[in-house]
């Protein structure tokens, strides 16, 4: 039947085939890893329509105009307060001068 030498040769042949298959599998795995590492990844950005950009620009413009208007109102209020304070001071001085110099003592 099968001699021990023949059996030994078959065993060695099977071992060689198994090693070759393992080597092929390992090479395929390495190749897949290399191609995966070489793949470039791109960061995606959500698409924003032009209307959103215009609205953003318009909102910024409106906010700027509101701020400018607030500044103008504040400037006018300060000038008005200065004029009223001046009128009040001058009126008080005139009243004091009248009381001191022109008021008759009876």
C-alpha atoms as a PDB file:
ATOM      1  CA  UNK A   1       0.000   0.000   0.000  1.00  0.00           C
ATOM      2  CA  UNK A   2       1.446   3.361   1.044  1.00  0.00           C
ATOM      3  CA  UNK A   3       5.003   3.194   2.142  1.00  0.00           C
ATOM      4  CA  UNK A   4       6.236   5.443   4.985  1.00  0.00           C
ATOM      5  CA  UNK A   5       8.432   7.365   2.540  1.00  0.00           C
ATOM      6  CA  UNK A   6       5.518   8.076   0.251  1.00  0.00           C
ATOM      7  CA  UNK A   7       3.451   9.225   3.224  1.00  0.00           C
ATOM      8  CA  UNK A   8       6.315  11.466   4.374  1.00  0.00           C
ATOM      9  CA  UNK A   9       6.616  13.037   0.904  1.00  0.00           C
ATOM     10  CA  UNK A  10       2.865  13.752   0.775  1.00  0.00           C
ATOM     11  CA  UNK A  11       3.056  15.350   4.214  1.00  0.00           C
ATOM     12  CA  UNK A  12       5.971  17.561   3.148  1.00  0.00           C
ATOM     13  CA  UNK A  13       4.176  18.536  -0.072  1.00  0.00           C
ATOM     14  CA  UNK A  14       1.050  19.500   1.883  1.00  0.00           C
ATOM     15  CA  UNK A  15       3.137  21.542   4.311  1.00  0.00           C
ATOM     16  CA  UNK A  16       4.765  23.406   1.409  1.00  0.00           C
ATOM     17  CA  UNK A  17       1.368  24.100  -0.179  1.00  0.00           C
ATOM     18  CA  UNK A  18       0.025  25.330   3.145  1.00  0.00           C
ATOM     19  CA  UNK A  19       3.026  27.647   3.655  1.00  0.00           C
ATOM     20  CA  UNK A  20       2.631  28.974   0.100  1.00  0.00           C
ATOM     21  CA  UNK A  21      -1.058  29.697   0.682  1.00  0.00           C
ATOM     22  CA  UNK A  22      -0.273  31.418   3.983  1.00  0.00           C
ATOM     23  CA  UNK A  23       2.393  33.537   2.300  1.00  0.00           C
ATOM     24  CA  UNK A  24      -0.037  34.479  -0.503  1.00  0.00           C
ATOM     25  CA  UNK A  25      -2.708  35.435   2.023  1.00  0.00           C
ATOM     26  CA  UNK A  26      -0.261  37.535   4.011  1.00  0.00           C
ATOM     27  CA  UNK A  27       0.901  39.298   0.824  1.00  0.00           C
ATOM     28  CA  UNK A  28      -2.709  40.053  -0.127  1.00  0.00           C
ATOM     29  CA  UNK A  29      -3.362  41.445   3.366  1.00  0.00           C
ATOM     30  CA  UNK A  30      -0.280  43.665   3.161  1.00  0.00           C
ATOM     31  CA  UNK A  31      -1.313  44.875  -0.282  1.00  0.00           C
ATOM     32  CA  UNK A  32      -4.793  45.763   0.957  1.00  0.00           C
ATOM     33  CA  UNK A  33      -3.301  47.626   3.943  1.00  0.00           C
ATOM     34  CA  UNK A  34      -0.970  49.585   1.668  1.00  0.00           C
ATOM     35  CA  UNK A  35      -3.742  50.632  -0.693  1.00  0.00           C
ATOM     36  CA  UNK A  36      -5.924  51.647   2.254  1.00  0.00           C
ATOM     37  CA  UNK A  37      -3.162  53.810   3.696  1.00  0.00           C
ATOM     38  CA  UNK A  38      -2.516  55.490   0.351  1.00  0.00           C
ATOM     39  CA  UNK A  39      -6.172  56.479  -0.058  1.00  0.00           C
ATOM     40  CA  UNK A  40      -6.680  60.208   0.342  1.00  0.00           C
ATOM     41  CA  UNK A  41      -9.451  61.465   2.554  1.00  0.00           C
ATOM     42  CA  UNK A  42     -11.179  64.738   1.832  1.00  0.00           C
ATOM     43  CA  UNK A  43     -13.016  66.718   4.475  1.00  0.00           C
ATOM     44  CA  UNK A  44     -16.571  67.373   3.352  1.00  0.00           C
ATOM     45  CA  UNK A  45     -18.234  70.747   3.764  1.00  0.00           C
ATOM     46  CA  UNK A  46     -21.956  71.302   3.920  1.00  0.00           C
ATOM     47  CA  UNK A  47     -23.213  73.172   0.874  1.00  0.00           C
ATOM     48  CA  UNK A  48     -24.608  76.586   1.714  1.00  0.00           C
ATOM     49  CA  UNK A  49     -26.690  78.339  -0.887  1.00  0.00           C
ATOM     50  CA  UNK A  50     -25.981  81.907  -1.972  1.00  0.00           C
ATOM     51  CA  UNK A  51     -29.115  83.163  -0.231  1.00  0.00           C
ATOM     52  CA  UNK A  52     -27.636  82.272   3.147  1.00  0.00           C
ATOM     53  CA  UNK A  53     -24.541  84.314   2.306  1.00  0.00           C
ATOM     54  CA  UNK A  54     -26.666  87.271   1.189  1.00  0.00           C
ATOM     55  CA  UNK A  55     -28.776  87.063   4.312  1.00  0.00           C
ATOM     56  CA  UNK A  56     -25.675  86.943   6.421  1.00  0.00           C
ATOM     57  CA  UNK A  57     -24.282  90.000   4.606  1.00  0.00           C
ATOM     58  CA  UNK A  58     -27.614  91.795   4.924  1.00  0.00           C
ATOM     59  CA  UNK A  59     -27.877  90.953   8.611  1.00  0.00           C
ATOM     60  CA  UNK A  60     -24.393  92.310   9.219  1.00  0.00           C
ATOM     61  CA  UNK A  61     -25.243  95.495   7.334  1.00  0.00           C
ATOM     62  CA  UNK A  62     -28.449  96.010   9.313  1.00  0.00           C
ATOM     63  CA  UNK A  63     -26.601  95.411  12.573  1.00  0.00           C
ATOM     64  CA  UNK A  64     -23.934  97.945  11.566  1.00  0.00           C
ATOM     65  CA  UNK A  65     -26.568 100.530  10.667  1.00  0.00           C
ATOM     66  CA  UNK A  66     -28.335  99.980  14.000  1.00  0.00           C
ATOM     67  CA  UNK A  67     -25.069 100.501  15.833  1.00  0.00           C
ATOM     68  CA  UNK A  68     -24.357 103.663  13.831  1.00  0.00           C
ATOM     69  CA  UNK A  69     -27.862 104.976  14.584  1.00  0.00           C
ATOM     70  CA  UNK A  70     -27.414 104.260  18.278  1.00  0.00           C
ATOM     71  CA  UNK A  71     -24.146 106.219  18.210  1.00  0.00           C
ATOM     72  CA  UNK A  72     -25.817 109.182  16.503  1.00  0.00           C
ATOM     73  CA  UNK A  73     -28.669 109.141  19.049  1.00  0.00           C
ATOM     74  CA  UNK A  74     -26.177 109.017  21.928  1.00  0.00           C
ATOM     75  CA  UNK A  75     -24.200 111.934  20.449  1.00  0.00           C
ATOM     76  CA  UNK A  76     -27.354 114.017  20.013  1.00  0.00           C
ATOM     77  CA  UNK A  77     -28.460 113.195  23.580  1.00  0.00           C
ATOM     78  CA  UNK A  78     -25.084 114.301  24.982  1.00  0.00           C
ATOM     79  CA  UNK A  79     -25.163 117.568  22.997  1.00  0.00           C
ATOM     80  CA  UNK A  80     -28.734 118.249  24.095  1.00  0.00           C
ATOM     81  CA  UNK A  81     -27.852 117.559  27.736  1.00  0.00           C
ATOM     82  CA  UNK A  82     -24.870 119.925  27.459  1.00  0.00           C
ATOM     83  CA  UNK A  83     -27.061 122.695  26.013  1.00  0.00           C
ATOM     84  CA  UNK A  84     -29.710 122.193  28.722  1.00  0.00           C
ATOM     85  CA  UNK A  85     -27.046 122.209  31.430  1.00  0.00           C
ATOM     86  CA  UNK A  86     -25.603 125.437  30.003  1.00  0.00           C
ATOM     87  CA  UNK A  87     -29.045 127.077  29.899  1.00  0.00           C
ATOM     88  CA  UNK A  88     -29.725 125.971  33.479  1.00  0.00           C
ATOM     89  CA  UNK A  89     -26.365 127.321  34.708  1.00  0.00           C
ATOM     90  CA  UNK A  90     -26.783 130.650  32.903  1.00  0.00           C
ATOM     91  CA  UNK A  91     -30.372 130.947  34.171  1.00  0.00           C
ATOM     92  CA  UNK A  92     -29.271 130.259  37.738  1.00  0.00           C
ATOM     93  CA  UNK A  93     -26.494 132.866  37.510  1.00  0.00           C
ATOM     94  CA  UNK A  94     -28.900 135.468  36.066  1.00  0.00           C
ATOM     95  CA  UNK A  95     -31.424 134.755  38.818  1.00  0.00           C
ATOM     96  CA  UNK A  96     -28.734 135.039  41.518  1.00  0.00           C
ATOM     97  CA  UNK A  97     -27.455 138.330  40.006  1.00  0.00           C
ATOM     98  CA  UNK A  98     -31.000 139.698  39.890  1.00  0.00           C
ATOM     99  CA  UNK A  99     -31.593 138.778  43.511  1.00  0.00           C
ATOM    100  CA  UNK A 100     -28.299 140.316  44.613  1.00  0.00           C
ATOM    101  CA  UNK A 101     -28.233 143.522  42.588  1.00  0.00           C
ATOM    102  CA  UNK A 102     -31.667 144.401  41.256  1.00  0.00           C
ATOM    103  CA  UNK A 103     -34.046 143.215  43.909  1.00  0.00           C
ATOM    104  CA  UNK A 104     -35.274 146.136  46.054  1.00  0.00           C
ATOM    105  CA  UNK A 105     -35.078 145.725  49.768  1.00  0.00           C
ATOM    106  CA  UNK A 106     -38.353 146.761  51.358  1.00  0.00           C
END
